[in-house]
Amino acid sequence: MLQGARRESDHFIVYRHDSVSGKTQFCFKTPKRLGNAVRRNRLKRVMREFIRTHKSLWPDSSAVVLLPKYGTFELDFQQVSAELQQLFSHE
């Protein structure tokens, strides 16, 4: 049985479950209602950069889903990083 957790901030929702495969996996959900393709792709690049630069925050064998909320596009990398770091440090 998968055990999971849901955390929410002003601009993100994060779901974390135990991974069936035994390694850490990430999924980025950016639905069309958030904006055009240029904005969604930029946001995915920012989230990937956060994942790459904060590897120490990830528990082994977990599946993480990142869902940005509307209004996240106005944030720069430092603001996104601070908000996600706060979400992941509480787990």
N, C-alpha and C. Protein backbone atom coordinates (compact mmCIF):
# COMPACT_ATOMS: atom_id res chain seq x y z
N MET A 1 0.84 -1.18 0.00
CA MET A 1 0.00 0.00 0.00
C MET A 1 0.88 1.24 0.00
N LEU A 2 0.55 2.19 -0.82
CA LEU A 2 1.30 3.43 -0.89
C LEU A 2 0.90 4.35 0.25
N GLN A 3 1.90 4.90 0.91
CA GLN A 3 1.66 5.90 1.95
C GLN A 3 2.03 7.25 1.36
N GLY A 4 1.19 8.25 1.54
CA GLY A 4 1.47 9.52 0.91
C GLY A 4 1.18 10.71 1.80
N ALA A 5 1.61 11.86 1.30
CA ALA A 5 1.40 13.11 2.01
C ALA A 5 1.07 14.20 1.00
N ARG A 6 0.27 15.15 1.42
CA ARG A 6 -0.09 16.29 0.58
C ARG A 6 0.27 17.55 1.35
N ARG A 7 0.99 18.44 0.68
CA ARG A 7 1.35 19.73 1.28
C ARG A 7 0.96 20.81 0.30
N GLU A 8 0.61 21.97 0.84
CA GLU A 8 0.16 23.06 -0.01
C GLU A 8 0.74 24.38 0.48
N SER A 9 1.10 25.23 -0.49
CA SER A 9 1.56 26.58 -0.18
C SER A 9 0.73 27.55 -1.02
N ASP A 10 1.15 28.79 -1.06
CA ASP A 10 0.40 29.79 -1.82
C ASP A 10 0.40 29.50 -3.32
N HIS A 11 1.49 28.92 -3.84
CA HIS A 11 1.62 28.74 -5.28
C HIS A 11 1.80 27.29 -5.74
N PHE A 12 1.90 26.34 -4.81
CA PHE A 12 2.16 24.95 -5.20
C PHE A 12 1.36 23.98 -4.34
N ILE A 13 1.05 22.83 -4.94
CA ILE A 13 0.55 21.67 -4.22
C ILE A 13 1.54 20.55 -4.50
N VAL A 14 1.96 19.84 -3.45
CA VAL A 14 2.93 18.77 -3.59
C VAL A 14 2.34 17.49 -3.00
N TYR A 15 2.36 16.43 -3.80
CA TYR A 15 1.97 15.11 -3.35
C TYR A 15 3.22 14.24 -3.30
N ARG A 16 3.39 13.49 -2.22
CA ARG A 16 4.53 12.58 -2.12
C ARG A 16 4.03 11.22 -1.69
N HIS A 17 4.45 10.20 -2.41
CA HIS A 17 4.10 8.81 -2.11
C HIS A 17 5.37 7.98 -2.10
N ASP A 18 5.31 6.82 -1.48
CA ASP A 18 6.40 5.87 -1.57
C ASP A 18 6.43 5.34 -3.00
N SER A 19 7.61 5.26 -3.57
CA SER A 19 7.75 4.82 -4.94
C SER A 19 7.76 3.30 -5.02
N VAL A 20 7.03 2.77 -5.97
CA VAL A 20 6.99 1.32 -6.19
C VAL A 20 8.30 0.84 -6.79
N SER A 21 8.93 1.67 -7.61
CA SER A 21 10.15 1.27 -8.31
C SER A 21 11.38 1.30 -7.42
N GLY A 22 11.32 1.95 -6.26
CA GLY A 22 12.46 2.00 -5.36
C GLY A 22 13.40 3.15 -5.60
N LYS A 23 13.08 4.05 -6.52
CA LYS A 23 13.91 5.22 -6.76
C LYS A 23 13.04 6.47 -6.76
N THR A 24 13.66 7.62 -6.61
CA THR A 24 12.92 8.88 -6.55
C THR A 24 12.49 9.30 -7.95
N GLN A 25 11.22 9.66 -8.06
CA GLN A 25 10.65 10.08 -9.34
C GLN A 25 9.90 11.39 -9.14
N PHE A 26 9.88 12.23 -10.18
CA PHE A 26 9.19 13.51 -10.13
C PHE A 26 8.23 13.62 -11.30
N CYS A 27 7.10 14.26 -11.05
CA CYS A 27 6.12 14.52 -12.09
C CYS A 27 5.70 15.99 -11.95
N PHE A 28 5.70 16.70 -13.06
CA PHE A 28 5.28 18.09 -13.08
C PHE A 28 3.96 18.18 -13.85
N LYS A 29 2.93 18.69 -13.21
CA LYS A 29 1.63 18.86 -13.86
C LYS A 29 1.43 20.34 -14.12
N THR A 30 1.33 20.71 -15.38
CA THR A 30 1.08 22.11 -15.74
C THR A 30 -0.07 22.14 -16.75
N PRO A 31 -1.31 22.16 -16.27
CA PRO A 31 -2.45 22.14 -17.18
C PRO A 31 -2.57 23.42 -18.00
N LYS A 32 -3.25 23.33 -19.12
CA LYS A 32 -3.40 24.46 -20.04
C LYS A 32 -4.10 25.66 -19.41
N ARG A 33 -4.91 25.42 -18.40
CA ARG A 33 -5.62 26.54 -17.78
C ARG A 33 -4.67 27.51 -17.08
N LEU A 34 -3.42 27.09 -16.84
CA LEU A 34 -2.44 27.96 -16.18
C LEU A 34 -1.86 29.01 -17.12
N GLY A 35 -1.88 28.74 -18.41
CA GLY A 35 -1.32 29.70 -19.36
C GLY A 35 -0.89 29.03 -20.64
N ASN A 36 -0.26 29.80 -21.51
CA ASN A 36 0.16 29.26 -22.80
C ASN A 36 1.40 28.36 -22.64
N ALA A 37 1.81 27.73 -23.72
CA ALA A 37 2.91 26.76 -23.67
C ALA A 37 4.23 27.39 -23.23
N VAL A 38 4.48 28.62 -23.62
CA VAL A 38 5.72 29.29 -23.24
C VAL A 38 5.80 29.43 -21.72
N ARG A 39 4.72 29.85 -21.10
CA ARG A 39 4.70 30.01 -19.64
C ARG A 39 4.80 28.67 -18.93
N ARG A 40 4.07 27.67 -19.42
CA ARG A 40 4.12 26.34 -18.78
C ARG A 40 5.51 25.73 -18.88
N ASN A 41 6.15 25.86 -20.03
CA ASN A 41 7.49 25.30 -20.20
C ASN A 41 8.52 26.02 -19.34
N ARG A 42 8.40 27.33 -19.21
CA ARG A 42 9.30 28.08 -18.34
C ARG A 42 9.16 27.61 -16.89
N LEU A 43 7.93 27.42 -16.46
CA LEU A 43 7.68 26.97 -15.10
C LEU A 43 8.26 25.57 -14.88
N LYS A 44 8.13 24.68 -15.85
CA LYS A 44 8.72 23.34 -15.73
C LYS A 44 10.24 23.42 -15.64
N ARG A 45 10.86 24.32 -16.42
CA ARG A 45 12.32 24.49 -16.34
C ARG A 45 12.75 24.97 -14.96
N VAL A 46 11.99 25.90 -14.39
CA VAL A 46 12.31 26.42 -13.06
C VAL A 46 12.17 25.31 -12.01
N MET A 47 11.11 24.51 -12.11
CA MET A 47 10.93 23.41 -11.15
C MET A 47 12.02 22.36 -11.30
N ARG A 48 12.42 22.04 -12.54
CA ARG A 48 13.51 21.08 -12.75
C ARG A 48 14.83 21.58 -12.16
N GLU A 49 15.08 22.88 -12.32
CA GLU A 49 16.30 23.46 -11.76
C GLU A 49 16.28 23.38 -10.23
N PHE A 50 15.13 23.59 -9.63
CA PHE A 50 15.03 23.44 -8.18
C PHE A 50 15.33 22.01 -7.77
N ILE A 51 14.77 21.05 -8.49
CA ILE A 51 15.02 19.63 -8.19
C ILE A 51 16.51 19.32 -8.30
N ARG A 52 17.15 19.83 -9.34
CA ARG A 52 18.56 19.56 -9.57
C ARG A 52 19.45 20.17 -8.49
N THR A 53 19.12 21.36 -8.03
CA THR A 53 19.98 22.06 -7.08
C THR A 53 19.70 21.73 -5.61
N HIS A 54 18.63 21.00 -5.33
CA HIS A 54 18.27 20.67 -3.95
C HIS A 54 18.09 19.17 -3.75
N LYS A 55 19.03 18.39 -4.23
CA LYS A 55 18.93 16.93 -4.16
C LYS A 55 18.92 16.40 -2.73
N SER A 56 19.49 17.14 -1.80
CA SER A 56 19.55 16.66 -0.42
C SER A 56 18.17 16.62 0.26
N LEU A 57 17.18 17.30 -0.30
CA LEU A 57 15.84 17.33 0.30
C LEU A 57 15.01 16.09 -0.01
N TRP A 58 15.40 15.30 -1.01
CA TRP A 58 14.55 14.21 -1.49
C TRP A 58 14.81 12.93 -0.70
N PRO A 59 13.78 12.36 -0.12
CA PRO A 59 13.93 11.05 0.51
C PRO A 59 14.08 9.98 -0.57
N ASP A 60 14.78 8.92 -0.24
CA ASP A 60 14.95 7.82 -1.19
C ASP A 60 13.61 7.14 -1.44
N SER A 61 13.48 6.63 -2.62
CA SER A 61 12.30 5.87 -3.08
C SER A 61 10.98 6.59 -2.80
N SER A 62 10.84 7.76 -3.38
CA SER A 62 9.58 8.49 -3.27
C SER A 62 9.16 8.98 -4.65
N ALA A 63 7.86 9.10 -4.83
CA ALA A 63 7.29 9.65 -6.05
C ALA A 63 6.68 11.00 -5.67
N VAL A 64 7.11 12.06 -6.34
CA VAL A 64 6.70 13.42 -6.00
C VAL A 64 5.98 14.03 -7.20
N VAL A 65 4.80 14.61 -6.95
CA VAL A 65 4.04 15.31 -7.97
C VAL A 65 3.97 16.78 -7.57
N LEU A 66 4.42 17.67 -8.47
CA LEU A 66 4.38 19.11 -8.24
C LEU A 66 3.30 19.73 -9.11
N LEU A 67 2.35 20.42 -8.48
CA LEU A 67 1.27 21.09 -9.18
C LEU A 67 1.35 22.58 -8.88
N PRO A 68 1.70 23.39 -9.85
CA PRO A 68 1.68 24.84 -9.62
C PRO A 68 0.25 25.35 -9.67
N LYS A 69 -0.01 26.39 -8.92
CA LYS A 69 -1.32 27.04 -8.93
C LYS A 69 -1.26 28.25 -9.88
N TYR A 70 -2.43 28.78 -10.18
CA TYR A 70 -2.50 29.96 -11.03
C TYR A 70 -1.79 31.13 -10.33
N GLY A 71 -1.00 31.88 -11.07
CA GLY A 71 -0.27 33.01 -10.50
C GLY A 71 1.18 32.69 -10.20
N THR A 72 1.61 31.46 -10.43
CA THR A 72 3.00 31.08 -10.18
C THR A 72 3.94 31.68 -11.20
N PHE A 73 3.44 32.08 -12.36
CA PHE A 73 4.29 32.58 -13.44
C PHE A 73 4.98 33.89 -13.10
N GLU A 74 4.43 34.64 -12.17
CA GLU A 74 5.04 35.91 -11.80
C GLU A 74 6.27 35.74 -10.91
N LEU A 75 6.49 34.53 -10.40
CA LEU A 75 7.61 34.29 -9.49
C LEU A 75 8.90 34.05 -10.25
N ASP A 76 10.02 34.49 -9.69
CA ASP A 76 11.32 34.16 -10.27
C ASP A 76 11.87 32.91 -9.56
N PHE A 77 13.06 32.47 -9.97
CA PHE A 77 13.61 31.22 -9.45
C PHE A 77 13.82 31.27 -7.94
N GLN A 78 14.29 32.39 -7.40
CA GLN A 78 14.53 32.48 -5.97
C GLN A 78 13.23 32.35 -5.17
N GLN A 79 12.17 32.95 -5.65
CA GLN A 79 10.89 32.86 -4.96
C GLN A 79 10.32 31.45 -5.03
N VAL A 80 10.40 30.81 -6.20
CA VAL A 80 9.94 29.43 -6.34
C VAL A 80 10.78 28.51 -5.45
N SER A 81 12.08 28.71 -5.46
CA SER A 81 12.98 27.89 -4.66
C SER A 81 12.67 28.01 -3.18
N ALA A 82 12.47 29.22 -2.69
CA ALA A 82 12.18 29.42 -1.27
C ALA A 82 10.87 28.74 -0.87
N GLU A 83 9.86 28.86 -1.71
CA GLU A 83 8.56 28.28 -1.40
C GLU A 83 8.60 26.75 -1.42
N LEU A 84 9.23 26.18 -2.44
CA LEU A 84 9.33 24.72 -2.51
C LEU A 84 10.23 24.17 -1.42
N GLN A 85 11.30 24.87 -1.10
CA GLN A 85 12.19 24.41 -0.03
C GLN A 85 11.43 24.36 1.30
N GLN A 86 10.60 25.33 1.54
CA GLN A 86 9.80 25.33 2.77
C GLN A 86 8.82 24.15 2.77
N LEU A 87 8.22 23.85 1.63
CA LEU A 87 7.29 22.72 1.56
C LEU A 87 8.00 21.39 1.81
N PHE A 88 9.16 21.20 1.20
CA PHE A 88 9.86 19.92 1.32
C PHE A 88 10.60 19.77 2.64
N SER A 89 10.95 20.84 3.30
CA SER A 89 11.68 20.72 4.55
C SER A 89 10.78 20.27 5.70
N HIS A 90 9.46 20.39 5.54
CA HIS A 90 8.52 19.99 6.60
C HIS A 90 8.21 18.51 6.56
N GLU A 91 8.64 17.79 5.55
CA GLU A 91 8.28 16.37 5.45
C GLU A 91 9.18 15.51 6.28
